[in-house]
Structures are given as C-alpha cells and as structure tokens.
Amino acid sequence: MSAKKSKAVVAPVAAPVAVSTTNQLTTKRFVIRKSLIGSNTVISFTNHKNELKVYNHDLVYNALKAKFDLMPCFDKYGSYTNSKDLPVFVRNLPTLV
C-alpha cells in the first residue's frame, strides 16, 4: 500500500498586537513614583490655585530620568512630590500628556 501525500493547509499566524492601556490616577499633588514607572499612568491633581493639572507619568519620568534618579528623595523614598504645583522643570517640557 502506498501512502497518499496530503497537502495540509496552514493558516497564517497573526503577529501579536501591542495593546496600550492608560491608567488614570487622581492625587492631591504632583508625584513621580518608582512603582508607577512603565504603567502608562495619566495623573491629575488640582494645584493650590485650584487649577487642574494633568500629566503622563512615564512621559515626564523618561524626559527627566537623569534628574529624578539623582534626587536623594527619589532614591530613599522611591518618589518625588510637589504639593503646590507642577515643578518648573516639568512645566518647561513641550508635552505633558
């Protein structure tokens, strides 16, 4: 007996699609935390002048990574905060969200 050669049909495999999810966080102050790095979190808070401020945590951290990593508070506590407003060096960034 001879075996028949069959041609199997193989379906193409689609490449995985990267899904980017944005997390929302409302705080009482500006904050950059080590625990939020890479989480794509958009943070909003109301400053002392009652103005709503919104920024993307990863965008701000990545733009100023060297500055945050050299701060003693960031090393010791794992975060940097400002209770009054966006820090001047963050306000000078071209985009926040």
PDB file of N, CA and C in Angstrom:
ATOM      1  N   MET A   1       0.827  -1.172   0.000  1.00  0.00           N
ATOM      2  CA  MET A   1       0.000   0.000   0.000  1.00  0.00           C
ATOM      3  C   MET A   1       0.873   1.237   0.000  1.00  0.00           C
ATOM      4  N   SER A   2       0.498   2.171  -0.752  1.00  0.00           N
ATOM      5  CA  SER A   2       1.240   3.421  -0.781  1.00  0.00           C
ATOM      6  C   SER A   2       0.452   4.503  -0.059  1.00  0.00           C
ATOM      7  N   ALA A   3       1.178   5.312   0.659  1.00  0.00           N
ATOM      8  CA  ALA A   3       0.528   6.401   1.396  1.00  0.00           C
ATOM      9  C   ALA A   3       0.329   7.569   0.469  1.00  0.00           C
ATOM     10  N   LYS A   4      -0.832   8.203   0.555  1.00  0.00           N
ATOM     11  CA  LYS A   4      -1.111   9.395  -0.236  1.00  0.00           C
ATOM     12  C   LYS A   4      -0.461  10.597   0.422  1.00  0.00           C
ATOM     13  N   LYS A   5       0.146  11.405  -0.373  1.00  0.00           N
ATOM     14  CA  LYS A   5       0.712  12.638   0.163  1.00  0.00           C
ATOM     15  C   LYS A   5      -0.392  13.677   0.211  1.00  0.00           C
ATOM     16  N   SER A   6      -0.626  14.220   1.382  1.00  0.00           N
ATOM     17  CA  SER A   6      -1.654  15.251   1.508  1.00  0.00           C
ATOM     18  C   SER A   6      -0.977  16.601   1.741  1.00  0.00           C
ATOM     19  N   LYS A   7      -1.595  17.586   1.218  1.00  0.00           N
ATOM     20  CA  LYS A   7      -1.088  18.941   1.417  1.00  0.00           C
ATOM     21  C   LYS A   7      -1.929  19.608   2.500  1.00  0.00           C
ATOM     22  N   ALA A   8      -1.311  19.815   3.629  1.00  0.00           N
ATOM     23  CA  ALA A   8      -2.019  20.454   4.741  1.00  0.00           C
ATOM     24  C   ALA A   8      -2.070  21.954   4.514  1.00  0.00           C
ATOM     25  N   VAL A   9      -3.184  22.517   4.829  1.00  0.00           N
ATOM     26  CA  VAL A   9      -3.348  23.961   4.722  1.00  0.00           C
ATOM     27  C   VAL A   9      -3.030  24.560   6.083  1.00  0.00           C
ATOM     28  N   VAL A  10      -2.060  25.447   6.104  1.00  0.00           N
ATOM     29  CA  VAL A  10      -1.652  26.081   7.358  1.00  0.00           C
ATOM     30  C   VAL A  10      -2.111  27.532   7.336  1.00  0.00           C
ATOM     31  N   ALA A  11      -2.868  27.891   8.344  1.00  0.00           N
ATOM     32  CA  ALA A  11      -3.350  29.272   8.442  1.00  0.00           C
ATOM     33  C   ALA A  11      -2.214  30.170   8.897  1.00  0.00           C
ATOM     34  N   PRO A  12      -2.114  31.362   8.322  1.00  0.00           N
ATOM     35  CA  PRO A  12      -1.063  32.277   8.766  1.00  0.00           C
ATOM     36  C   PRO A  12      -1.317  32.724  10.210  1.00  0.00           C
ATOM     37  N   VAL A  13      -0.236  32.897  10.918  1.00  0.00           N
ATOM     38  CA  VAL A  13      -0.329  33.331  12.310  1.00  0.00           C
ATOM     39  C   VAL A  13      -0.146  34.839  12.348  1.00  0.00           C
ATOM     40  N   ALA A  14      -1.109  35.507  12.942  1.00  0.00           N
ATOM     41  CA  ALA A  14      -1.036  36.960  13.045  1.00  0.00           C
ATOM     42  C   ALA A  14      -0.048  37.353  14.132  1.00  0.00           C
ATOM     43  N   ALA A  15       0.676  38.416  13.890  1.00  0.00           N
ATOM     44  CA  ALA A  15       1.608  38.939  14.898  1.00  0.00           C
ATOM     45  C   ALA A  15       0.818  39.506  16.057  1.00  0.00           C
ATOM     46  N   PRO A  16       1.317  39.335  17.274  1.00  0.00           N
ATOM     47  CA  PRO A  16       0.593  39.889  18.423  1.00  0.00           C
ATOM     48  C   PRO A  16       0.525  41.406  18.343  1.00  0.00           C
ATOM     49  N   VAL A  17      -0.604  41.916  18.722  1.00  0.00           N
ATOM     50  CA  VAL A  17      -0.821  43.357  18.697  1.00  0.00           C
ATOM     51  C   VAL A  17      -0.556  43.906  20.087  1.00  0.00           C
ATOM     52  N   ALA A  18       0.283  44.914  20.154  1.00  0.00           N
ATOM     53  CA  ALA A  18       0.578  45.543  21.441  1.00  0.00           C
ATOM     54  C   ALA A  18      -0.596  46.432  21.831  1.00  0.00           C
ATOM     55  N   VAL A  19      -1.171  46.149  22.964  1.00  0.00           N
ATOM     56  CA  VAL A  19      -2.302  46.928  23.451  1.00  0.00           C
ATOM     57  C   VAL A  19      -1.778  47.888  24.504  1.00  0.00           C
ATOM     58  N   SER A  20      -1.988  49.141  24.265  1.00  0.00           N
ATOM     59  CA  SER A  20      -1.519  50.155  25.206  1.00  0.00           C
ATOM     60  C   SER A  20      -2.706  50.646  26.033  1.00  0.00           C
ATOM     61  N   THR A  21      -2.669  50.370  27.303  1.00  0.00           N
ATOM     62  CA  THR A  21      -3.733  50.835  28.172  1.00  0.00           C
ATOM     63  C   THR A  21      -3.220  52.003  28.995  1.00  0.00           C
ATOM     64  N   THR A  22      -4.083  52.940  29.211  1.00  0.00           N
ATOM     65  CA  THR A  22      -3.728  54.108  30.004  1.00  0.00           C
ATOM     66  C   THR A  22      -4.481  54.040  31.317  1.00  0.00           C
ATOM     67  N   ASN A  23      -3.753  54.091  32.395  1.00  0.00           N
ATOM     68  CA  ASN A  23      -4.354  54.116  33.722  1.00  0.00           C
ATOM     69  C   ASN A  23      -4.574  55.563  34.130  1.00  0.00           C
ATOM     70  N   GLN A  24      -5.600  55.801  34.913  1.00  0.00           N
ATOM     71  CA  GLN A  24      -5.910  57.140  35.418  1.00  0.00           C
ATOM     72  C   GLN A  24      -5.685  57.146  36.924  1.00  0.00           C
ATOM     73  N   LEU A  25      -5.081  58.217  37.425  1.00  0.00           N
ATOM     74  CA  LEU A  25      -4.854  58.354  38.858  1.00  0.00           C
ATOM     75  C   LEU A  25      -5.074  59.811  39.237  1.00  0.00           C
ATOM     76  N   THR A  26      -5.880  60.035  40.261  1.00  0.00           N
ATOM     77  CA  THR A  26      -6.106  61.384  40.776  1.00  0.00           C
ATOM     78  C   THR A  26      -5.434  61.476  42.138  1.00  0.00           C
ATOM     79  N   THR A  27      -4.571  62.474  42.285  1.00  0.00           N
ATOM     80  CA  THR A  27      -3.851  62.653  43.543  1.00  0.00           C
ATOM     81  C   THR A  27      -4.068  64.072  44.055  1.00  0.00           C
ATOM     82  N   LYS A  28      -3.479  64.376  45.185  1.00  0.00           N
ATOM     83  CA  LYS A  28      -3.570  65.716  45.755  1.00  0.00           C
ATOM     84  C   LYS A  28      -2.370  66.580  45.395  1.00  0.00           C
ATOM     85  N   ARG A  29      -1.373  65.982  44.697  1.00  0.00           N
ATOM     86  CA  ARG A  29      -0.130  66.700  44.393  1.00  0.00           C
ATOM     87  C   ARG A  29       0.557  66.064  43.198  1.00  0.00           C
ATOM     88  N   PHE A  30       1.578  66.759  42.672  1.00  0.00           N
ATOM     89  CA  PHE A  30       2.428  66.205  41.624  1.00  0.00           C
ATOM     90  C   PHE A  30       3.265  65.093  42.245  1.00  0.00           C
ATOM     91  N   VAL A  31       3.364  63.965  41.553  1.00  0.00           N
ATOM     92  CA  VAL A  31       4.157  62.852  42.075  1.00  0.00           C
ATOM     93  C   VAL A  31       4.778  62.054  40.930  1.00  0.00           C
ATOM     94  N   ILE A  32       6.037  61.651  41.139  1.00  0.00           N
ATOM     95  CA  ILE A  32       6.714  60.685  40.278  1.00  0.00           C
ATOM     96  C   ILE A  32       7.145  59.562  41.211  1.00  0.00           C
ATOM     97  N   ARG A  33       6.650  58.335  40.958  1.00  0.00           N
ATOM     98  CA  ARG A  33       6.949  57.195  41.825  1.00  0.00           C
ATOM     99  C   ARG A  33       7.644  56.086  41.047  1.00  0.00           C
ATOM    100  N   LYS A  34       8.591  55.445  41.676  1.00  0.00           N
ATOM    101  CA  LYS A  34       9.252  54.296  41.051  1.00  0.00           C
ATOM    102  C   LYS A  34       8.245  53.196  40.749  1.00  0.00           C
ATOM    103  N   SER A  35       7.253  53.032  41.604  1.00  0.00           N
ATOM    104  CA  SER A  35       6.265  51.965  41.419  1.00  0.00           C
ATOM    105  C   SER A  35       5.352  52.203  40.220  1.00  0.00           C
ATOM    106  N   LEU A  36       5.291  53.434  39.727  1.00  0.00           N
ATOM    107  CA  LEU A  36       4.438  53.744  38.574  1.00  0.00           C
ATOM    108  C   LEU A  36       5.189  53.752  37.247  1.00  0.00           C
ATOM    109  N   ILE A  37       6.498  53.583  37.276  1.00  0.00           N
ATOM    110  CA  ILE A  37       7.284  53.614  36.046  1.00  0.00           C
ATOM    111  C   ILE A  37       6.863  52.453  35.147  1.00  0.00           C
ATOM    112  N   GLY A  38       6.554  52.775  33.902  1.00  0.00           N
ATOM    113  CA  GLY A  38       6.143  51.767  32.929  1.00  0.00           C
ATOM    114  C   GLY A  38       4.674  51.418  32.969  1.00  0.00           C
ATOM    115  N   SER A  39       3.900  52.065  33.815  1.00  0.00           N
ATOM    116  CA  SER A  39       2.475  51.737  33.940  1.00  0.00           C
ATOM    117  C   SER A  39       1.587  52.574  33.031  1.00  0.00           C
ATOM    118  N   ASN A  40       2.177  53.531  32.304  1.00  0.00           N
ATOM    119  CA  ASN A  40       1.433  54.407  31.393  1.00  0.00           C
ATOM    120  C   ASN A  40       0.244  55.061  32.105  1.00  0.00           C
ATOM    121  N   THR A  41       0.526  55.682  33.223  1.00  0.00           N
ATOM    122  CA  THR A  41      -0.497  56.306  34.045  1.00  0.00           C
ATOM    123  C   THR A  41      -0.582  57.803  33.766  1.00  0.00           C
ATOM    124  N   VAL A  42      -1.807  58.277  33.578  1.00  0.00           N
ATOM    125  CA  VAL A  42      -2.060  59.712  33.441  1.00  0.00           C
ATOM    126  C   VAL A  42      -2.557  60.194  34.800  1.00  0.00           C
ATOM    127  N   ILE A  43      -1.826  61.131  35.371  1.00  0.00           N
ATOM    128  CA  ILE A  43      -2.120  61.619  36.720  1.00  0.00           C
ATOM    129  C   ILE A  43      -2.723  63.013  36.639  1.00  0.00           C
ATOM    130  N   SER A  44      -3.731  63.245  37.441  1.00  0.00           N
ATOM    131  CA  SER A  44      -4.341  64.574  37.510  1.00  0.00           C
ATOM    132  C   SER A  44      -4.429  64.993  38.981  1.00  0.00           C
ATOM    133  N   PHE A  45      -4.259  66.285  39.193  1.00  0.00           N
ATOM    134  CA  PHE A  45      -4.405  66.856  40.530  1.00  0.00           C
ATOM    135  C   PHE A  45      -4.787  68.316  40.394  1.00  0.00           C
ATOM    136  N   THR A  46      -5.320  68.883  41.463  1.00  0.00           N
ATOM    137  CA  THR A  46      -5.687  70.289  41.499  1.00  0.00           C
ATOM    138  C   THR A  46      -4.646  71.009  42.345  1.00  0.00           C
ATOM    139  N   ASN A  47      -4.016  72.040  41.759  1.00  0.00           N
ATOM    140  CA  ASN A  47      -2.954  72.747  42.478  1.00  0.00           C
ATOM    141  C   ASN A  47      -3.535  73.741  43.484  1.00  0.00           C
ATOM    142  N   HIS A  48      -2.669  74.465  44.156  1.00  0.00           N
ATOM    143  CA  HIS A  48      -3.103  75.402  45.199  1.00  0.00           C
ATOM    144  C   HIS A  48      -3.896  76.591  44.661  1.00  0.00           C
ATOM    145  N   LYS A  49      -3.832  76.829  43.335  1.00  0.00           N
ATOM    146  CA  LYS A  49      -4.618  77.896  42.713  1.00  0.00           C
ATOM    147  C   LYS A  49      -5.932  77.349  42.146  1.00  0.00           C
ATOM    148  N   ASN A  50      -6.244  76.122  42.514  1.00  0.00           N
ATOM    149  CA  ASN A  50      -7.457  75.442  42.079  1.00  0.00           C
ATOM    150  C   ASN A  50      -7.489  75.199  40.561  1.00  0.00           C
ATOM    151  N   GLU A  51      -6.320  74.983  39.956  1.00  0.00           N
ATOM    152  CA  GLU A  51      -6.205  74.670  38.532  1.00  0.00           C
ATOM    153  C   GLU A  51      -5.948  73.176  38.383  1.00  0.00           C
ATOM    154  N   LEU A  52      -6.651  72.552  37.453  1.00  0.00           N
ATOM    155  CA  LEU A  52      -6.460  71.132  37.196  1.00  0.00           C
ATOM    156  C   LEU A  52      -5.196  70.942  36.365  1.00  0.00           C
ATOM    157  N   LYS A  53      -4.296  70.083  36.824  1.00  0.00           N
ATOM    158  CA  LYS A  53      -3.059  69.758  36.118  1.00  0.00           C
ATOM    159  C   LYS A  53      -3.089  68.278  35.764  1.00  0.00           C
ATOM    160  N   VAL A  54      -2.712  67.967  34.525  1.00  0.00           N
ATOM    161  CA  VAL A  54      -2.724  66.594  34.042  1.00  0.00           C
ATOM    162  C   VAL A  54      -1.400  66.315  33.350  1.00  0.00           C
ATOM    163  N   TYR A  55      -0.802  65.154  33.646  1.00  0.00           N
ATOM    164  CA  TYR A  55       0.460  64.782  33.008  1.00  0.00           C
ATOM    165  C   TYR A  55       0.563  63.264  32.922  1.00  0.00           C
ATOM    166  N   ASN A  56       1.337  62.800  31.951  1.00  0.00           N
ATOM    167  CA  ASN A  56       1.611  61.382  31.791  1.00  0.00           C
ATOM    168  C   ASN A  56       2.864  61.063  32.597  1.00  0.00           C
ATOM    169  N   HIS A  57       2.727  60.194  33.579  1.00  0.00           N
ATOM    170  CA  HIS A  57       3.826  59.859  34.492  1.00  0.00           C
ATOM    171  C   HIS A  57       5.063  59.385  33.733  1.00  0.00           C
ATOM    172  N   ASP A  58       4.902  58.446  32.799  1.00  0.00           N
ATOM    173  CA  ASP A  58       6.046  57.888  32.077  1.00  0.00           C
ATOM    174  C   ASP A  58       6.695  58.908  31.154  1.00  0.00           C
ATOM    175  N   LEU A  59       5.898  59.748  30.536  1.00  0.00           N
ATOM    176  CA  LEU A  59       6.446  60.766  29.637  1.00  0.00           C
ATOM    177  C   LEU A  59       7.323  61.744  30.419  1.00  0.00           C
ATOM    178  N   VAL A  60       6.839  62.189  31.572  1.00  0.00           N
ATOM    179  CA  VAL A  60       7.605  63.123  32.409  1.00  0.00           C
ATOM    180  C   VAL A  60       8.842  62.423  32.971  1.00  0.00           C
ATOM    181  N   TYR A  61       8.672  61.196  33.475  1.00  0.00           N
ATOM    182  CA  TYR A  61       9.819  60.488  34.048  1.00  0.00           C
ATOM    183  C   TYR A  61      10.903  60.238  32.997  1.00  0.00           C
ATOM    184  N   ASN A  62      10.516  59.760  31.826  1.00  0.00           N
ATOM    185  CA  ASN A  62      11.502  59.449  30.788  1.00  0.00           C
ATOM    186  C   ASN A  62      12.228  60.702  30.293  1.00  0.00           C
ATOM    187  N   ALA A  63      11.529  61.828  30.236  1.00  0.00           N
ATOM    188  CA  ALA A  63      12.151  63.075  29.792  1.00  0.00           C
ATOM    189  C   ALA A  63      13.166  63.588  30.817  1.00  0.00           C
ATOM    190  N   LEU A  64      12.919  63.304  32.086  1.00  0.00           N
ATOM    191  CA  LEU A  64      13.766  63.842  33.157  1.00  0.00           C
ATOM    192  C   LEU A  64      14.358  62.738  34.026  1.00  0.00           C
ATOM    193  N   LYS A  65      14.549  61.561  33.463  1.00  0.00           N
ATOM    194  CA  LYS A  65      15.027  60.388  34.198  1.00  0.00           C
ATOM    195  C   LYS A  65      16.316  60.663  34.969  1.00  0.00           C
ATOM    196  N   ALA A  66      17.296  61.253  34.323  1.00  0.00           N
ATOM    197  CA  ALA A  66      18.576  61.519  34.982  1.00  0.00           C
ATOM    198  C   ALA A  66      18.393  62.424  36.201  1.00  0.00           C
ATOM    199  N   LYS A  67      17.536  63.420  36.079  1.00  0.00           N
ATOM    200  CA  LYS A  67      17.292  64.356  37.181  1.00  0.00           C
ATOM    201  C   LYS A  67      16.644  63.643  38.369  1.00  0.00           C
ATOM    202  N   PHE A  68      15.586  62.850  38.098  1.00  0.00           N
ATOM    203  CA  PHE A  68      14.906  62.146  39.191  1.00  0.00           C
ATOM    204  C   PHE A  68      15.810  61.109  39.841  1.00  0.00           C
ATOM    205  N   ASP A  69      16.577  60.377  39.041  1.00  0.00           N
ATOM    206  CA  ASP A  69      17.437  59.327  39.582  1.00  0.00           C
ATOM    207  C   ASP A  69      18.546  59.869  40.470  1.00  0.00           C
ATOM    208  N   LEU A  70      18.924  61.136  40.302  1.00  0.00           N
ATOM    209  CA  LEU A  70      19.959  61.742  41.143  1.00  0.00           C
ATOM    210  C   LEU A  70      19.414  62.372  42.425  1.00  0.00           C
ATOM    211  N   MET A  71      18.094  62.486  42.539  1.00  0.00           N
ATOM    212  CA  MET A  71      17.498  63.103  43.726  1.00  0.00           C
ATOM    213  C   MET A  71      17.572  62.153  44.924  1.00  0.00           C
ATOM    214  N   PRO A  72      18.076  62.637  46.061  1.00  0.00           N
ATOM    215  CA  PRO A  72      18.149  61.785  47.253  1.00  0.00           C
ATOM    216  C   PRO A  72      16.773  61.249  47.691  1.00  0.00           C
ATOM    217  N   CYS A  73      15.731  62.062  47.576  1.00  0.00           N
ATOM    218  CA  CYS A  73      14.394  61.617  47.995  1.00  0.00           C
ATOM    219  C   CYS A  73      13.896  60.483  47.106  1.00  0.00           C
ATOM    220  N   PHE A  74      14.218  60.541  45.821  1.00  0.00           N
ATOM    221  CA  PHE A  74      13.784  59.501  44.888  1.00  0.00           C
ATOM    222  C   PHE A  74      14.483  58.185  45.211  1.00  0.00           C
ATOM    223  N   ASP A  75      15.741  58.275  45.616  1.00  0.00           N
ATOM    224  CA  ASP A  75      16.498  57.084  45.992  1.00  0.00           C
ATOM    225  C   ASP A  75      16.008  56.527  47.334  1.00  0.00           C
ATOM    226  N   LYS A  76      15.809  57.402  48.303  1.00  0.00           N
ATOM    227  CA  LYS A  76      15.445  56.980  49.657  1.00  0.00           C
ATOM    228  C   LYS A  76      13.981  56.533  49.776  1.00  0.00           C
ATOM    229  N   TYR A  77      13.059  57.337  49.217  1.00  0.00           N
ATOM    230  CA  TYR A  77      11.635  57.071  49.386  1.00  0.00           C
ATOM    231  C   TYR A  77      10.968  56.448  48.148  1.00  0.00           C
ATOM    232  N   GLY A  78      11.649  56.488  47.020  1.00  0.00           N
ATOM    233  CA  GLY A  78      11.078  55.926  45.799  1.00  0.00           C
ATOM    234  C   GLY A  78      10.069  56.831  45.126  1.00  0.00           C
ATOM    235  N   SER A  79      10.089  58.120  45.503  1.00  0.00           N
ATOM    236  CA  SER A  79       9.161  59.063  44.871  1.00  0.00           C
ATOM    237  C   SER A  79       9.666  60.496  45.008  1.00  0.00           C
ATOM    238  N   TYR A  80       9.109  61.348  44.157  1.00  0.00           N
ATOM    239  CA  TYR A  80       9.342  62.789  44.239  1.00  0.00           C
ATOM    240  C   TYR A  80       7.975  63.437  44.191  1.00  0.00           C
ATOM    241  N   THR A  81       7.699  64.361  45.103  1.00  0.00           N
ATOM    242  CA  THR A  81       6.401  65.036  45.122  1.00  0.00           C
ATOM    243  C   THR A  81       6.586  66.541  45.217  1.00  0.00           C
ATOM    244  N   ASN A  82       5.542  67.243  44.787  1.00  0.00           N
ATOM    245  CA  ASN A  82       5.466  68.688  44.940  1.00  0.00           C
ATOM    246  C   ASN A  82       4.012  68.987  45.257  1.00  0.00           C
ATOM    247  N   SER A  83       3.741  69.530  46.435  1.00  0.00           N
ATOM    248  CA  SER A  83       2.366  69.704  46.881  1.00  0.00           C
ATOM    249  C   SER A  83       1.678  70.956  46.339  1.00  0.00           C
ATOM    250  N   LYS A  84       2.421  71.893  45.793  1.00  0.00           N
ATOM    251  CA  LYS A  84       1.809  73.146  45.340  1.00  0.00           C
ATOM    252  C   LYS A  84       1.431  73.162  43.866  1.00  0.00           C
ATOM    253  N   ASP A  85       2.313  72.692  42.992  1.00  0.00           N
ATOM    254  CA  ASP A  85       2.087  72.819  41.548  1.00  0.00           C
ATOM    255  C   ASP A  85       3.044  71.887  40.807  1.00  0.00           C
ATOM    256  N   LEU A  86       2.977  71.931  39.484  1.00  0.00           N
ATOM    257  CA  LEU A  86       3.973  71.232  38.677  1.00  0.00           C
ATOM    258  C   LEU A  86       5.313  71.918  38.904  1.00  0.00           C
ATOM    259  N   PRO A  87       6.388  71.173  39.096  1.00  0.00           N
ATOM    260  CA  PRO A  87       7.695  71.812  39.234  1.00  0.00           C
ATOM    261  C   PRO A  87       8.047  72.576  37.955  1.00  0.00           C
ATOM    262  N   VAL A  88       8.848  73.605  38.077  1.00  0.00           N
ATOM    263  CA  VAL A  88       9.220  74.440  36.930  1.00  0.00           C
ATOM    264  C   VAL A  88       9.877  73.603  35.841  1.00  0.00           C
ATOM    265  N   PHE A  89      10.743  72.666  36.232  1.00  0.00           N
ATOM    266  CA  PHE A  89      11.420  71.861  35.218  1.00  0.00           C
ATOM    267  C   PHE A  89      10.452  70.940  34.469  1.00  0.00           C
ATOM    268  N   VAL A  90       9.300  70.649  35.054  1.00  0.00           N
ATOM    269  CA  VAL A  90       8.274  69.862  34.361  1.00  0.00           C
ATOM    270  C   VAL A  90       7.423  70.778  33.491  1.00  0.00           C
ATOM    271  N   ARG A  91       7.096  71.953  33.995  1.00  0.00           N
ATOM    272  CA  ARG A  91       6.313  72.913  33.197  1.00  0.00           C
ATOM    273  C   ARG A  91       7.034  73.289  31.914  1.00  0.00           C
ATOM    274  N   ASN A  92       8.352  73.248  31.891  1.00  0.00           N
ATOM    275  CA  ASN A  92       9.120  73.601  30.714  1.00  0.00           C
ATOM    276  C   ASN A  92       9.166  72.508  29.650  1.00  0.00           C
ATOM    277  N   LEU A  93       8.639  71.330  29.943  1.00  0.00           N
ATOM    278  CA  LEU A  93       8.600  70.261  28.945  1.00  0.00           C
ATOM    279  C   LEU A  93       7.610  70.617  27.835  1.00  0.00           C
ATOM    280  N   PRO A  94       7.904  70.238  26.576  1.00  0.00           N
ATOM    281  CA  PRO A  94       6.996  70.580  25.472  1.00  0.00           C
ATOM    282  C   PRO A  94       5.633  69.904  25.561  1.00  0.00           C
ATOM    283  N   THR A  95       5.578  68.653  26.043  1.00  0.00           N
ATOM    284  CA  THR A  95       4.298  67.966  26.184  1.00  0.00           C
ATOM    285  C   THR A  95       4.255  67.236  27.523  1.00  0.00           C
ATOM    286  N   LEU A  96       3.074  67.218  28.105  1.00  0.00           N
ATOM    287  CA  LEU A  96       2.891  66.551  29.394  1.00  0.00           C
ATOM    288  C   LEU A  96       1.976  65.339  29.295  1.00  0.00           C
ATOM    289  N   VAL A  97       1.160  65.297  28.267  1.00  0.00           N
ATOM    290  CA  VAL A  97       0.229  64.170  28.114  1.00  0.00           C
ATOM    291  C   VAL A  97       0.413  63.565  26.748  1.00  0.00           C
TER     292      VAL A  97
END
